[in-house]
Amino acid sequence: MASPGNSVCCAFRCACVLDTERLYFTHNLEQRGWTNLVAAIRRVLAGERDADALCANLGPLESMIIETILQGVADPSTLSDLQPPPKAS
């Protein structure tokens, strides 16, 4: 299983990318056994924002990922540390 930091970044990116890229990331997460997390991410993308309901079937790490995504939806500036640094030109 991926490290927590990588998992948060991957899940956040999954929630923010275009549909075609999202399919790749969700498939990748599901292949790694994160099916409940993917289901919760899909619920967030569908508009659900109740952290307790979203995290009901998740473990502590998956709950942290969903809560981070919800914070990012509410205030995108909270996720600046998770974004890759800008490429130098």
C-alpha atoms as a PDB file:
ATOM      1  CA  MET A   1       0.000   0.000   0.000  1.00  0.00           C
ATOM      2  CA  ALA A   2       1.201   3.516  -0.764  1.00  0.00           C
ATOM      3  CA  SER A   3       2.448   5.844   1.935  1.00  0.00           C
ATOM      4  CA  PRO A   4      -0.162   8.143   3.534  1.00  0.00           C
ATOM      5  CA  GLY A   5       1.291  11.260   1.915  1.00  0.00           C
ATOM      6  CA  ASN A   6       1.287   9.704  -1.528  1.00  0.00           C
ATOM      7  CA  SER A   7      -2.222   8.390  -0.979  1.00  0.00           C
ATOM      8  CA  VAL A   8      -3.538  11.834  -0.052  1.00  0.00           C
ATOM      9  CA  CYS A   9      -1.896  13.373  -3.110  1.00  0.00           C
ATOM     10  CA  CYS A  10      -3.192  10.650  -5.394  1.00  0.00           C
ATOM     11  CA  ALA A  11      -6.725  10.867  -4.006  1.00  0.00           C
ATOM     12  CA  PHE A  12      -6.746  14.655  -4.201  1.00  0.00           C
ATOM     13  CA  ARG A  13      -5.501  14.580  -7.761  1.00  0.00           C
ATOM     14  CA  CYS A  14      -8.134  11.989  -8.580  1.00  0.00           C
ATOM     15  CA  ALA A  15     -10.808  14.325  -7.279  1.00  0.00           C
ATOM     16  CA  CYS A  16      -9.544  17.271  -9.317  1.00  0.00           C
ATOM     17  CA  VAL A  17      -8.458  15.976 -12.700  1.00  0.00           C
ATOM     18  CA  LEU A  18     -10.392  15.581 -15.911  1.00  0.00           C
ATOM     19  CA  ASP A  19     -12.732  12.624 -16.323  1.00  0.00           C
ATOM     20  CA  THR A  20     -10.331  10.559 -18.444  1.00  0.00           C
ATOM     21  CA  GLU A  21      -7.493  11.005 -15.968  1.00  0.00           C
ATOM     22  CA  ARG A  22      -9.848  10.376 -13.062  1.00  0.00           C
ATOM     23  CA  LEU A  23     -10.739   6.975 -14.526  1.00  0.00           C
ATOM     24  CA  TYR A  24      -7.053   6.048 -14.506  1.00  0.00           C
ATOM     25  CA  PHE A  25      -6.542   7.163 -10.899  1.00  0.00           C
ATOM     26  CA  THR A  26      -9.703   5.541  -9.567  1.00  0.00           C
ATOM     27  CA  HIS A  27      -8.847   2.300 -11.344  1.00  0.00           C
ATOM     28  CA  ASN A  28      -5.321   2.459  -9.889  1.00  0.00           C
ATOM     29  CA  LEU A  29      -6.666   3.022  -6.376  1.00  0.00           C
ATOM     30  CA  GLU A  30      -9.199   0.209  -6.744  1.00  0.00           C
ATOM     31  CA  GLN A  31      -6.486  -2.180  -7.944  1.00  0.00           C
ATOM     32  CA  ARG A  32      -4.585  -1.400  -4.746  1.00  0.00           C
ATOM     33  CA  GLY A  33      -7.581  -2.324  -2.599  1.00  0.00           C
ATOM     34  CA  TRP A  34      -8.908   1.168  -1.916  1.00  0.00           C
ATOM     35  CA  THR A  35     -12.434   0.427  -3.172  1.00  0.00           C
ATOM     36  CA  ASN A  36     -14.208   2.084  -0.235  1.00  0.00           C
ATOM     37  CA  LEU A  37     -12.051   5.189  -0.673  1.00  0.00           C
ATOM     38  CA  VAL A  38     -12.872   5.361  -4.383  1.00  0.00           C
ATOM     39  CA  ALA A  39     -16.572   5.033  -3.567  1.00  0.00           C
ATOM     40  CA  ALA A  40     -16.288   7.915  -1.090  1.00  0.00           C
ATOM     41  CA  ILE A  41     -14.387  10.058  -3.622  1.00  0.00           C
ATOM     42  CA  ARG A  42     -17.142   9.426  -6.157  1.00  0.00           C
ATOM     43  CA  ARG A  43     -19.710  10.554  -3.590  1.00  0.00           C
ATOM     44  CA  VAL A  44     -17.720  13.759  -2.990  1.00  0.00           C
ATOM     45  CA  LEU A  45     -17.584  14.359  -6.737  1.00  0.00           C
ATOM     46  CA  ALA A  46     -21.360  13.872  -6.845  1.00  0.00           C
ATOM     47  CA  GLY A  47     -21.735  16.689  -4.313  1.00  0.00           C
ATOM     48  CA  GLU A  48     -21.886  14.968  -0.937  1.00  0.00           C
ATOM     49  CA  ARG A  49     -20.128  16.934   1.826  1.00  0.00           C
ATOM     50  CA  ASP A  50     -21.087  15.148   5.072  1.00  0.00           C
ATOM     51  CA  ALA A  51     -17.735  13.917   6.411  1.00  0.00           C
ATOM     52  CA  ASP A  52     -19.328  11.571   8.942  1.00  0.00           C
ATOM     53  CA  ALA A  53     -21.432   9.850   6.285  1.00  0.00           C
ATOM     54  CA  LEU A  54     -18.569   9.722   3.788  1.00  0.00           C
ATOM     55  CA  CYS A  55     -16.153   8.248   6.332  1.00  0.00           C
ATOM     56  CA  ALA A  56     -18.566   5.786   7.953  1.00  0.00           C
ATOM     57  CA  ASN A  57     -17.116   2.754   6.127  1.00  0.00           C
ATOM     58  CA  LEU A  58     -13.521   3.961   6.010  1.00  0.00           C
ATOM     59  CA  GLY A  59     -10.493   3.380   8.192  1.00  0.00           C
ATOM     60  CA  PRO A  60      -8.494   6.205   9.770  1.00  0.00           C
ATOM     61  CA  LEU A  61      -6.194   6.749   6.782  1.00  0.00           C
ATOM     62  CA  GLU A  62      -8.996   6.753   4.224  1.00  0.00           C
ATOM     63  CA  SER A  63     -11.014   9.093   6.458  1.00  0.00           C
ATOM     64  CA  MET A  64      -8.071  11.486   6.615  1.00  0.00           C
ATOM     65  CA  ILE A  65      -7.894  11.470   2.815  1.00  0.00           C
ATOM     66  CA  ILE A  66     -11.605  12.233   2.442  1.00  0.00           C
ATOM     67  CA  GLU A  67     -11.451  14.957   5.094  1.00  0.00           C
ATOM     68  CA  THR A  68      -8.483  16.504   3.264  1.00  0.00           C
ATOM     69  CA  ILE A  69     -10.410  16.459  -0.012  1.00  0.00           C
ATOM     70  CA  LEU A  70     -13.419  18.059   1.703  1.00  0.00           C
ATOM     71  CA  GLN A  71     -11.195  20.781   3.168  1.00  0.00           C
ATOM     72  CA  GLY A  72      -9.771  21.378  -0.286  1.00  0.00           C
ATOM     73  CA  VAL A  73     -13.244  21.671  -1.775  1.00  0.00           C
ATOM     74  CA  ALA A  74     -14.237  24.173   0.906  1.00  0.00           C
ATOM     75  CA  ASP A  75     -10.949  26.117   0.735  1.00  0.00           C
ATOM     76  CA  PRO A  76      -8.533  25.169  -2.066  1.00  0.00           C
ATOM     77  CA  SER A  77      -5.706  27.167  -0.480  1.00  0.00           C
ATOM     78  CA  THR A  78      -5.462  24.521   2.276  1.00  0.00           C
ATOM     79  CA  LEU A  79      -4.030  22.098  -0.272  1.00  0.00           C
ATOM     80  CA  SER A  80      -1.179  24.211  -1.576  1.00  0.00           C
ATOM     81  CA  ASP A  81       1.372  22.034   0.251  1.00  0.00           C
ATOM     82  CA  LEU A  82       0.084  18.943  -1.577  1.00  0.00           C
ATOM     83  CA  GLN A  83       0.532  20.461  -5.027  1.00  0.00           C
ATOM     84  CA  PRO A  84       3.749  19.806  -6.904  1.00  0.00           C
ATOM     85  CA  PRO A  85       6.076  22.813  -7.152  1.00  0.00           C
ATOM     86  CA  PRO A  86       5.780  24.820 -10.365  1.00  0.00           C
ATOM     87  CA  LYS A  87       8.105  23.733 -13.109  1.00  0.00           C
ATOM     88  CA  ALA A  88      11.013  26.054 -13.769  1.00  0.00           C
ATOM     89  CA  SER A  89      10.987  27.458 -17.281  1.00  0.00           C
END
